[in-house]
Amino acid sequence: MKNIIIGQYIPGSGFLYKLDPRTKIISVIVLMVAVFLLKSIVQLSIAMGLAILILIAGKISIIRIFRGLKPIFVLLIFTFVFQIFFNKEGALWVDETMTIGFVSITSMVLWTIIWRMLAKFKKFKMILFILYIGGLYLIMKYITYGTIFTTWQFLVYEKGVEMSFFVVIRLLIIITLSTVLTLTTKPTDLTQGIEKLMRPLKVIGISSEDFALIISISLRYIPTILDEANKIMLAQASRGADFAEGKLKDKIKQIISLLVPMFIIAFKRSEDLADAMESRNFVPGRERTRIHDLKLGRLDLLTGLATVLLLAGSILVRIYL
């Protein structure tokens, strides 16, 4: 949990920090639309390269972004495997007969035990997981003797592999862009930017100030709540609790023991926040003033122009390629 950076603001001096929050919000939305217009792996790879260039130009640590993406690797792996198994379009690349029998099941159980024993090396957790999946594949493919219970065909199609990489790269770009937005924008500036952008909605009775405040508080307290959860897990681990080992029943009990103090802390935090807002004379629905008002500069105009050009390029690529 300590690696999660979604919702955090990290001070910096890159050009992204100097942009108006309205420019960043609109640019991120426009760039996401541009990414969804692309329709090939090559085009998405170029877009991924541009996203990396934006991080470098904005003086944002790529390693920090990579570490922050670790919690969603499970989602990315699931998406990758899902596309391979269920997309049956294109040429057939792999056609293997997989066998499940007494000897292969025994081998899989032993391999699982070995994998769980090696799981204590947490630095290599992802590598061990990939080796574990590869081992299961080799066991079902080559251990074909003894009592056979069933056989099935493992089929991999061209479009399945292509769509797997396509979807994963697209998700990485979108998550990176949204992370950069919160990483380079103070919560107060983000609130003010959302409020300014939503101000025309007052015509239909939507309060832009309240909506922006809700979003800002939610983003602000994501890292705080996760940090509190990490502290609770460490405190419980010092008392003998282990969230990584044990039976499913024990893990459910441990999760419940984590949720109860988490709810208490969340309510306590909300009460403290309400008291702090009242002490600063915050009144819902009243017009609020600010020391610093948002102003668009030359850098914002150049960034907006570059974003529009990228969107136009994506549209042209989709039409003509």
Foldseek 3Di string as FASTA:
>chain_A
DLLALFLHADDDDAVLLVAQLLLLVVLLVLLLVLLVLDDFLVVLVVVLVVLVVVCVRRVHDPVSVVSNCVVCVVVLVVLLVVLFQPPDDAAWDDKAKFFDFDVLVVVLVVLVVVLVVVVVVVVCNVVSVVVNVVVNRCSRRPVDDDGTDDMDIRIGHPVSNRVSSSVSSSVSSSVSSSSSSSHSDDLVSQLQSQLVVCVVVVVVPDRSNVVSVVVSVVSNCPSVLVVVLVVVVVVVVVVPDDCPDDDPVSNVVVVVVSVVVSVVVVVVVVVVVVVVCVVVVDDPPDDDDDPDDTDGDPSSVVSSVVSVVSSVVSVVVSVPD
